[in-house]
Protein backbone atom coordinates (compact mmCIF):
# COMPACT_ATOMS: atom_id res chain seq x y z
CA MET A 1 -7.06 -30.30 42.45
CA SER A 2 -4.21 -32.38 40.83
CA GLY A 3 -3.25 -29.64 38.42
CA PHE A 4 -1.72 -29.34 34.87
CA LEU A 5 1.49 -31.50 34.65
CA PHE A 6 3.92 -31.98 31.81
CA HIS A 7 4.39 -35.77 31.22
CA GLU A 8 7.56 -35.49 29.19
CA THR A 9 11.16 -34.28 29.90
CA VAL A 10 11.36 -32.45 26.66
CA PHE A 11 7.93 -31.25 25.47
CA GLY A 12 6.42 -29.10 22.70
CA PRO A 13 7.16 -26.84 20.97
CA VAL A 14 4.25 -24.86 22.34
CA MET A 15 3.08 -21.36 21.51
CA SER A 16 3.93 -19.26 24.62
CA ARG A 17 2.07 -15.97 25.16
CA ARG A 18 5.34 -14.65 26.46
CA LEU A 19 8.20 -16.45 24.58
CA GLY A 20 6.70 -17.32 21.24
CA VAL A 21 7.49 -20.92 19.82
CA SER A 22 9.03 -22.51 22.99
CA LEU A 23 10.61 -25.94 23.34
CA GLY A 24 10.21 -26.94 26.88
CA ILE A 25 12.58 -28.83 29.27
CA ASN A 26 11.14 -30.34 32.42
CA LEU A 27 13.87 -31.16 34.77
CA LEU A 28 11.36 -32.50 37.32
CA ALA A 29 9.38 -35.77 37.54
CA VAL A 30 6.75 -36.30 34.94
CA ASP A 31 4.00 -37.61 37.35
CA PHE A 32 4.01 -35.09 40.28
CA LYS A 33 4.96 -31.61 41.11
CA TYR A 34 8.30 -30.97 42.77
CA CYS A 35 8.86 -27.37 44.01
CA THR A 36 10.32 -25.20 46.87
CA PHE A 37 7.14 -23.09 46.72
CA ASN A 38 3.54 -23.89 47.20
CA CYS A 39 1.90 -21.07 45.18
CA ILE A 40 -1.74 -20.65 45.66
CA TYR A 41 -2.22 -20.18 41.84
CA CYS A 42 0.29 -22.71 40.42
CA GLU A 43 -1.27 -24.46 37.36
CA CYS A 44 0.63 -27.66 38.44
CA GLY A 45 -1.56 -27.83 41.68
CA TRP A 46 -0.32 -28.01 45.23
CA THR A 47 3.07 -29.08 46.17
CA HIS A 48 3.02 -32.58 47.86
CA GLN A 49 5.56 -35.18 48.85
CA LYS A 50 6.69 -37.64 46.25
CA PRO A 51 3.86 -40.23 45.80
CA LYS A 52 4.62 -43.90 46.31
CA GLY A 53 5.93 -45.22 43.14
CA GLY A 54 6.50 -41.77 41.58
CA ARG A 55 9.38 -41.28 39.12
CA GLY A 56 12.47 -39.42 40.14
CA LEU A 57 14.23 -36.63 38.28
CA PRO A 58 15.64 -37.33 34.79
CA GLU A 59 19.54 -37.81 34.51
CA ARG A 60 21.58 -35.31 32.79
CA LYS A 61 22.50 -37.75 29.94
CA GLU A 62 18.86 -38.55 29.37
CA VAL A 63 17.92 -34.79 29.18
CA LYS A 64 20.64 -34.28 26.65
CA LYS A 65 19.76 -37.25 24.52
CA LEU A 66 16.18 -36.26 24.54
CA LEU A 67 16.86 -32.67 23.69
CA GLU A 68 19.10 -33.48 20.86
CA GLN A 69 16.65 -35.79 19.28
CA LYS A 70 13.92 -33.24 19.59
CA LEU A 71 16.05 -30.64 17.82
CA LYS A 72 16.88 -33.01 15.10
CA ASP A 73 13.21 -33.77 14.51
CA MET A 74 12.46 -30.18 14.44
CA LYS A 75 15.20 -29.56 11.75
CA GLU A 76 13.74 -32.23 9.62
CA ALA A 77 10.27 -30.83 10.08
CA GLY A 78 11.47 -27.28 9.23
CA GLN A 79 10.40 -25.89 12.60
CA ALA A 80 12.53 -23.32 14.48
CA PRO A 81 11.98 -22.52 18.21
CA ASP A 82 12.17 -18.95 19.44
CA ALA A 83 13.11 -20.28 22.82
CA ILE A 84 14.33 -23.35 24.61
CA THR A 85 12.72 -23.00 28.10
CA PHE A 86 13.35 -24.63 31.46
CA ALA A 87 9.98 -24.85 32.96
CA GLY A 88 7.88 -27.90 33.86
CA ASN A 89 6.35 -29.31 37.04
CA GLY A 90 8.10 -27.21 39.61
CA GLU A 91 11.30 -25.36 40.08
CA PRO A 92 13.95 -26.35 37.52
CA THR A 93 16.90 -25.24 39.42
CA ILE A 94 16.33 -27.86 42.18
CA HIS A 95 17.84 -30.48 39.77
CA PRO A 96 21.26 -31.33 41.08
CA ASP A 97 22.73 -31.14 37.70
CA PHE A 98 21.01 -28.05 36.67
CA PRO A 99 24.32 -26.04 35.80
CA GLU A 100 25.64 -28.97 33.71
CA VAL A 101 22.27 -29.54 31.95
CA VAL A 102 22.44 -25.77 30.99
CA LYS A 103 25.82 -26.09 29.57
CA ASP A 104 24.62 -29.12 27.46
CA THR A 105 21.58 -27.04 26.33
CA ILE A 106 23.73 -24.09 25.33
CA ALA A 107 26.01 -26.29 23.25
CA LEU A 108 22.97 -28.02 21.41
CA ARG A 109 21.37 -24.74 20.81
CA ASP A 110 24.45 -23.25 19.30
CA GLU A 111 24.81 -26.39 17.04
CA TYR A 112 21.14 -26.63 15.82
CA TYR A 113 19.38 -23.28 16.42
CA PRO A 114 21.78 -20.53 17.41
CA GLU A 115 19.17 -17.83 17.27
CA ALA A 116 16.98 -19.48 19.89
CA LYS A 117 17.02 -17.91 23.30
CA ILE A 118 17.71 -20.23 26.29
CA THR A 119 15.17 -19.31 28.98
CA VAL A 120 14.65 -20.24 32.62
CA LEU A 121 11.47 -19.74 34.53
CA SER A 122 12.42 -19.78 38.19
CA ASN A 123 11.06 -18.81 41.57
CA ALA A 124 14.40 -17.45 42.77
CA SER A 125 14.68 -19.86 45.78
CA MET A 126 17.97 -21.57 44.74
CA LEU A 127 19.95 -18.42 44.09
CA HIS A 128 22.07 -19.14 47.30
CA ARG A 129 23.77 -21.93 45.19
CA LYS A 130 26.75 -20.35 43.34
CA GLN A 131 26.67 -22.77 40.48
CA VAL A 132 22.98 -22.24 39.97
CA PHE A 133 23.36 -18.41 40.06
CA ASP A 134 26.42 -18.62 37.55
CA ALA A 135 24.41 -20.83 35.30
CA LEU A 136 21.47 -18.24 35.16
CA LEU A 137 24.12 -15.60 34.23
CA SER A 138 25.02 -17.64 31.14
CA ILE A 139 21.64 -17.74 29.59
CA ASP A 140 19.60 -15.45 27.41
CA ASN A 141 16.49 -14.99 29.61
CA ASN A 142 17.08 -15.29 33.26
CA ILE A 143 13.41 -14.98 34.38
CA GLN A 144 12.78 -14.83 38.10
CA LYS A 145 9.55 -14.62 40.18
CA LEU A 146 8.74 -11.72 42.28
CA ASP A 147 4.98 -11.56 42.89
CA VAL A 148 4.78 -9.21 45.85
CA GLY A 149 6.34 -6.29 47.66
CA ASN A 150 6.30 -7.49 51.25
CA ASP A 151 7.07 -10.75 53.30
CA HIS A 152 3.55 -11.02 54.55
CA LEU A 153 2.07 -11.55 51.10
CA PHE A 154 5.08 -13.53 49.99
CA GLN A 155 4.31 -16.10 52.57
CA LEU A 156 0.69 -16.22 51.84
CA ILE A 157 0.79 -16.33 48.08
CA ASN A 158 4.07 -18.26 47.33
CA GLN A 159 4.33 -20.30 50.58
CA PRO A 160 8.11 -21.03 50.27
CA ALA A 161 9.60 -24.05 51.97
CA GLY A 162 11.80 -23.40 54.92
CA LYS A 163 12.43 -20.03 56.18
CA LEU A 164 13.02 -18.16 52.97
CA SER A 165 12.02 -14.48 53.30
CA MET A 166 11.24 -11.75 50.81
CA ASP A 167 14.34 -9.85 51.84
CA GLU A 168 16.63 -12.81 50.99
CA VAL A 169 14.93 -13.16 47.47
CA VAL A 170 15.35 -9.39 46.75
CA ASP A 171 19.02 -9.48 47.89
CA LYS A 172 19.84 -12.29 45.55
CA LEU A 173 17.99 -10.72 42.69
CA CYS A 174 19.98 -7.53 43.23
CA ARG A 175 23.28 -9.46 42.76
CA PHE A 176 22.42 -10.20 39.15
CA ASN A 177 23.18 -6.58 38.55
CA GLY A 178 20.42 -6.09 36.00
CA LYS A 179 20.91 -9.36 34.15
CA VAL A 180 17.40 -10.62 35.16
CA ILE A 181 13.83 -10.44 34.00
CA VAL A 182 11.21 -10.30 36.68
CA GLN A 183 7.87 -12.05 36.14
CA THR A 184 4.93 -11.24 38.42
CA LEU A 185 1.38 -12.72 38.58
CA PHE A 186 -1.38 -10.36 39.87
CA LEU A 187 -4.37 -12.03 41.53
CA ARG A 188 -7.16 -11.37 43.97
CA GLY A 189 -8.90 -13.93 46.13
CA THR A 190 -9.22 -15.61 49.51
CA HIS A 191 -6.80 -18.22 51.02
CA LYS A 192 -6.99 -19.58 54.52
CA GLY A 193 -9.71 -17.17 55.21
CA ILE A 194 -7.55 -14.17 54.40
CA PHE A 195 -8.40 -11.86 51.49
CA ILE A 196 -5.52 -11.39 49.14
CA ASP A 197 -5.11 -8.68 46.55
CA ASN A 198 -1.62 -7.75 45.26
CA THR A 199 -3.10 -5.16 42.95
CA LYS A 200 -3.93 -2.63 45.76
CA ASP A 201 -2.15 0.59 45.55
CA GLU A 202 0.03 0.09 48.49
CA GLU A 203 1.05 -3.34 47.40
CA VAL A 204 1.90 -2.25 43.91
CA GLU A 205 3.89 0.70 45.34
CA ALA A 206 5.87 -1.72 47.71
CA TRP A 207 6.56 -4.01 44.79
CA ILE A 208 7.78 -1.18 42.61
CA SER A 209 10.10 0.05 45.33
CA LEU A 210 11.70 -3.56 45.04
CA LEU A 211 11.88 -3.44 41.24
CA LYS A 212 13.82 -0.19 41.65
CA LYS A 213 16.46 -1.89 43.76
CA ILE A 214 16.84 -4.92 41.41
CA ASP A 215 16.86 -2.74 38.30
CA PRO A 216 15.87 -5.72 35.87
CA GLN A 217 16.09 -5.76 32.11
CA TYR A 218 12.29 -5.47 32.17
CA VAL A 219 9.37 -6.83 33.96
CA MET A 220 6.70 -9.20 32.79
CA ILE A 221 3.20 -9.03 34.42
CA TYR A 222 0.30 -11.33 33.73
CA PRO A 223 -2.90 -12.79 35.21
CA ILE A 224 -4.02 -16.37 35.98
CA ASP A 225 -4.28 -18.37 32.80
CA ARG A 226 -5.33 -21.81 33.88
CA ALA A 227 -7.24 -23.35 36.85
CA THR A 228 -5.66 -22.76 40.08
CA PRO A 229 -5.49 -25.00 43.31
CA GLU A 230 -7.00 -22.20 45.42
CA GLN A 231 -10.22 -21.92 43.63
CA THR A 232 -11.33 -18.54 44.97
CA LEU A 233 -8.79 -16.65 42.81
CA GLU A 234 -9.88 -14.08 40.27
CA LYS A 235 -8.20 -13.21 37.03
CA ILE A 236 -7.13 -9.54 36.90
CA SER A 237 -8.10 -7.63 33.74
CA PHE A 238 -5.82 -6.53 31.03
CA GLU A 239 -6.93 -3.06 31.67
CA GLN A 240 -6.03 -3.10 35.30
CA LEU A 241 -2.66 -4.66 34.57
CA SER A 242 -2.10 -1.96 32.02
CA GLU A 243 -2.62 0.68 34.72
CA ILE A 244 -0.09 -1.06 36.94
CA ALA A 245 2.27 -1.04 34.02
CA LYS A 246 1.96 2.67 33.60
CA LEU A 247 3.29 3.19 37.18
CA VAL A 248 6.16 0.87 36.49
CA ASN A 249 7.06 2.80 33.39
CA LEU A 250 6.91 6.16 35.41
CA ALA A 251 9.51 4.51 37.67
CA GLY A 252 11.79 4.24 34.72
CA ILE A 253 11.41 0.43 34.36
CA LYS A 254 10.57 -1.34 31.19
CA ILE A 255 7.58 -3.68 31.35
CA LYS A 256 5.47 -6.04 29.25
CA VAL A 257 1.88 -6.84 29.90
CA PHE A 258 0.42 -10.27 28.97
CA GLY A 259 -3.31 -10.74 29.14
């Protein structure tokens, strides 16, 4: 399955179920997925090597130019974004100029739409880079992935590149000292002949124990929304997500449920 790809560097605005009217920035290639994870549920499909002839990452100056033109067009059309969101075809913090692009984006946001929230959707794999970490501290919505409560499921569901462990991810998330929003996707299905269900009581309990350590601003939980590369996966009901949310609230952590 090739997956759903964003074919522009600056795209939208789109209506996001979590962020409202969102103008997207894709710092990855526009014709293939480029990521440090290979999540079994990713709407962009499986992570593969760069195809022959595939375009590379956009340059900083190109991103700035495209973003400013889009913001000017939106002003003329009377549109106002709720968010300017780094998302796209993989992990945005991979881009070598990510911190500088964030600075450009903040400046343009302040000039055109100072009320818009700058948002990054990240898998927390590049937090060992100080400049990336500091850039994430400078934005409004620092949204980081934490789908599970143990390393076994982390390796099965997120399939990180290299030797990244769940403990390393949690350690880095704790270093934000609460200036982080955690996003979690719940699912059920089979991968490589192994049945996976991160909604089981023991799995939810382990995940909540990590949330207590991280102490985020709040948590976003949601189900599968589009086709997934692993086709056995099942969408979790809003009712079951709401039951999980009650447990998170009991732990003293704010949470939002998106169905």
